[in-house]
Amino acid sequence: MLAAETRVQMHARLLRGWMADRGLKAPSLALSVEKQGQQISPDYIRKLVRGERELAGMPLELREAVRRALRVPAQDWEEATGLATAVDINPDDTPLLASPIPKALAEAAKEYGGEFAHPMWQRHLAELYFRGEPPKTPKAWYFLYLSLSEFGLGPRGDG
């Protein structure tokens, strides 16, 4: 008689399946998670898919970044894994940021207002520079916004 699958093994199987369905390897999944402001190493992902680490033991923000990187809808994730998602605390389903909005960007939002001041745009712009050198002045942030919106490169591509 076969032993019942543990929750850790079930999560590992689900992760392997989702990654395979999307053609993702551990390094590319780690990079996608990093773009959402969370840090996870390819080695840690490999341990998750081998069942050596618990998905349930990860902080909610990191787990959500993994879910989003895998493009698994919140309801499907909850049904498959039995783990809660952050839908209730992040209803627009935009990535959660680990880093704050830069001071010059916040100042630009107050100064220029409009769609530029929308939280989705603020998070989108902050994410672009969460590891790099951000624009130094509110005016530079605003010009970046204008350039991106002109080419339809806004949050989720809505310009």
Protein backbone atom coordinates (compact mmCIF):
# COMPACT_ATOMS: atom_id res chain seq x y z
CA MET A 1 0.00 0.00 0.00
CA LEU A 2 1.32 3.43 -0.94
CA ALA A 3 1.79 6.09 1.71
CA ALA A 4 -0.36 9.22 1.43
CA GLU A 5 1.29 12.22 -0.21
CA THR A 6 2.37 14.80 2.36
CA ARG A 7 1.47 18.46 1.95
CA VAL A 8 5.12 19.29 1.20
CA GLN A 9 5.23 16.61 -1.51
CA MET A 10 1.92 17.83 -2.96
CA HIS A 11 3.20 21.42 -3.11
CA ALA A 12 6.44 20.23 -4.73
CA ARG A 13 4.46 18.32 -7.36
CA LEU A 14 2.24 21.35 -8.05
CA LEU A 15 5.23 23.68 -8.40
CA ARG A 16 6.99 21.25 -10.75
CA GLY A 17 3.84 21.02 -12.86
CA TRP A 18 3.25 24.77 -13.04
CA MET A 19 6.90 25.40 -13.91
CA ALA A 20 6.87 22.70 -16.59
CA ASP A 21 3.60 24.01 -18.08
CA ARG A 22 5.17 27.45 -18.43
CA GLY A 23 8.60 26.26 -19.52
CA LEU A 24 10.26 27.80 -16.45
CA LYS A 25 13.46 26.64 -14.80
CA ALA A 26 14.52 27.69 -11.30
CA PRO A 27 16.74 30.61 -12.46
CA SER A 28 14.03 32.18 -14.63
CA LEU A 29 11.41 31.77 -11.90
CA ALA A 30 13.79 33.38 -9.38
CA LEU A 31 14.31 36.31 -11.76
CA SER A 32 10.55 36.77 -12.22
CA VAL A 33 10.09 36.77 -8.45
CA GLU A 34 12.94 39.28 -8.08
CA LYS A 35 11.23 41.64 -10.54
CA GLN A 36 8.37 41.81 -8.05
CA GLY A 37 10.67 43.05 -5.30
CA GLN A 38 11.15 39.72 -3.53
CA GLN A 39 14.32 37.66 -3.21
CA ILE A 40 14.52 33.90 -3.74
CA SER A 41 17.47 31.90 -4.99
CA PRO A 42 17.27 29.30 -7.76
CA ASP A 43 18.67 26.83 -5.22
CA TYR A 44 15.79 27.49 -2.82
CA ILE A 45 13.30 26.98 -5.67
CA ARG A 46 14.97 23.65 -6.46
CA LYS A 47 14.57 22.66 -2.80
CA LEU A 48 10.87 23.60 -2.97
CA VAL A 49 10.26 21.47 -6.07
CA ARG A 50 12.13 18.53 -4.50
CA GLY A 51 10.04 18.82 -1.34
CA GLU A 52 13.04 19.73 0.83
CA ARG A 53 11.54 23.08 1.84
CA GLU A 54 7.96 24.00 2.71
CA LEU A 55 6.02 26.36 0.52
CA ALA A 56 3.76 26.98 3.51
CA GLY A 57 6.77 28.16 5.52
CA MET A 58 7.53 31.07 3.19
CA PRO A 59 6.42 34.62 4.02
CA LEU A 60 3.12 35.51 2.35
CA GLU A 61 4.69 38.26 0.20
CA LEU A 62 7.30 35.87 -1.20
CA ARG A 63 4.75 33.12 -1.77
CA GLU A 64 2.52 35.62 -3.60
CA ALA A 65 5.44 36.70 -5.79
CA VAL A 66 6.02 33.04 -6.70
CA ARG A 67 2.30 32.57 -7.47
CA ARG A 68 2.25 35.63 -9.68
CA ALA A 69 5.48 34.67 -11.43
CA LEU A 70 3.88 31.31 -12.20
CA ARG A 71 0.73 33.14 -13.38
CA VAL A 72 -1.54 31.00 -11.23
CA PRO A 73 -4.87 32.72 -10.45
CA ALA A 74 -5.44 33.25 -6.73
CA GLN A 75 -8.50 30.99 -6.60
CA ASP A 76 -6.71 28.15 -8.42
CA TRP A 77 -3.71 28.52 -6.10
CA GLU A 78 -5.86 28.38 -2.97
CA GLU A 79 -7.82 25.37 -4.22
CA ALA A 80 -4.72 23.44 -5.29
CA THR A 81 -2.38 24.27 -2.41
CA GLY A 82 -4.74 25.02 0.44
CA LEU A 83 -2.67 28.16 1.09
CA ALA A 84 -4.14 31.63 1.40
CA THR A 85 -3.30 34.39 -1.04
CA ALA A 86 -3.07 38.13 -0.49
CA VAL A 87 -6.03 38.97 -2.70
CA ASP A 88 -7.81 40.63 0.18
CA ILE A 89 -4.85 42.89 1.02
CA ASN A 90 -3.85 43.61 -2.59
CA PRO A 91 -7.09 43.67 -4.61
CA ASP A 92 -5.68 45.06 -7.87
CA ASP A 93 -3.33 42.01 -8.07
CA THR A 94 -0.26 44.13 -8.71
CA PRO A 95 3.06 42.89 -7.34
CA LEU A 96 3.79 43.60 -3.72
CA LEU A 97 6.82 45.82 -3.24
CA ALA A 98 9.49 45.15 -0.69
CA SER A 99 11.06 48.56 -1.26
CA PRO A 100 9.29 51.88 -0.63
CA ILE A 101 8.38 54.48 -3.23
CA PRO A 102 11.48 56.70 -3.70
CA LYS A 103 11.16 60.14 -2.13
CA ALA A 104 11.55 62.02 -5.43
CA LEU A 105 8.85 59.82 -7.01
CA ALA A 106 6.43 60.53 -4.15
CA GLU A 107 7.18 64.26 -4.48
CA ALA A 108 6.54 64.06 -8.23
CA ALA A 109 3.17 62.38 -7.63
CA LYS A 110 2.11 65.28 -5.39
CA GLU A 111 3.45 67.89 -7.80
CA TYR A 112 2.12 66.48 -11.10
CA GLY A 113 -0.92 64.50 -9.90
CA GLY A 114 -3.38 62.92 -12.31
CA GLU A 115 -2.90 59.36 -13.57
CA PHE A 116 0.80 59.66 -12.73
CA ALA A 117 -0.11 59.80 -9.01
CA HIS A 118 -2.18 56.60 -9.18
CA PRO A 119 -0.73 53.92 -6.84
CA MET A 120 -0.44 51.43 -9.72
CA TRP A 121 1.78 53.86 -11.65
CA GLN A 122 3.81 54.66 -8.54
CA ARG A 123 4.46 50.95 -7.86
CA HIS A 124 5.21 50.33 -11.54
CA LEU A 125 7.81 53.11 -11.69
CA ALA A 126 9.35 52.15 -8.34
CA GLU A 127 9.67 48.52 -9.49
CA LEU A 128 11.61 49.58 -12.56
CA TYR A 129 14.31 50.98 -10.31
CA PHE A 130 14.10 48.89 -7.15
CA ARG A 131 17.71 47.74 -7.61
CA GLY A 132 19.14 50.26 -10.04
CA GLU A 133 19.84 53.98 -9.90
CA PRO A 134 16.49 55.81 -9.84
CA PRO A 135 15.89 59.25 -11.32
CA LYS A 136 17.06 61.94 -8.89
CA THR A 137 14.37 64.61 -9.28
CA PRO A 138 10.56 64.71 -9.40
CA LYS A 139 10.79 66.17 -12.92
CA ALA A 140 12.95 63.23 -14.09
CA TRP A 141 10.39 60.74 -12.68
CA TYR A 142 7.60 62.60 -14.47
CA PHE A 143 9.47 62.52 -17.79
CA LEU A 144 10.01 58.79 -17.33
CA TYR A 145 6.27 58.38 -16.77
CA LEU A 146 5.49 60.41 -19.91
CA SER A 147 7.87 58.31 -21.99
CA LEU A 148 6.49 55.01 -20.75
CA SER A 149 2.85 56.02 -21.07
CA GLU A 150 3.44 57.34 -24.61
CA PHE A 151 4.59 53.86 -25.65
CA GLY A 152 1.89 52.01 -23.68
CA LEU A 153 4.35 50.63 -21.16
CA GLY A 154 2.34 51.35 -18.06
CA PRO A 155 1.20 49.03 -15.31
CA ARG A 156 0.08 45.77 -16.92
CA GLY A 157 0.57 47.47 -20.29
CA ASP A 158 -2.39 49.84 -19.87
CA GLY A 159 -0.28 52.92 -20.39
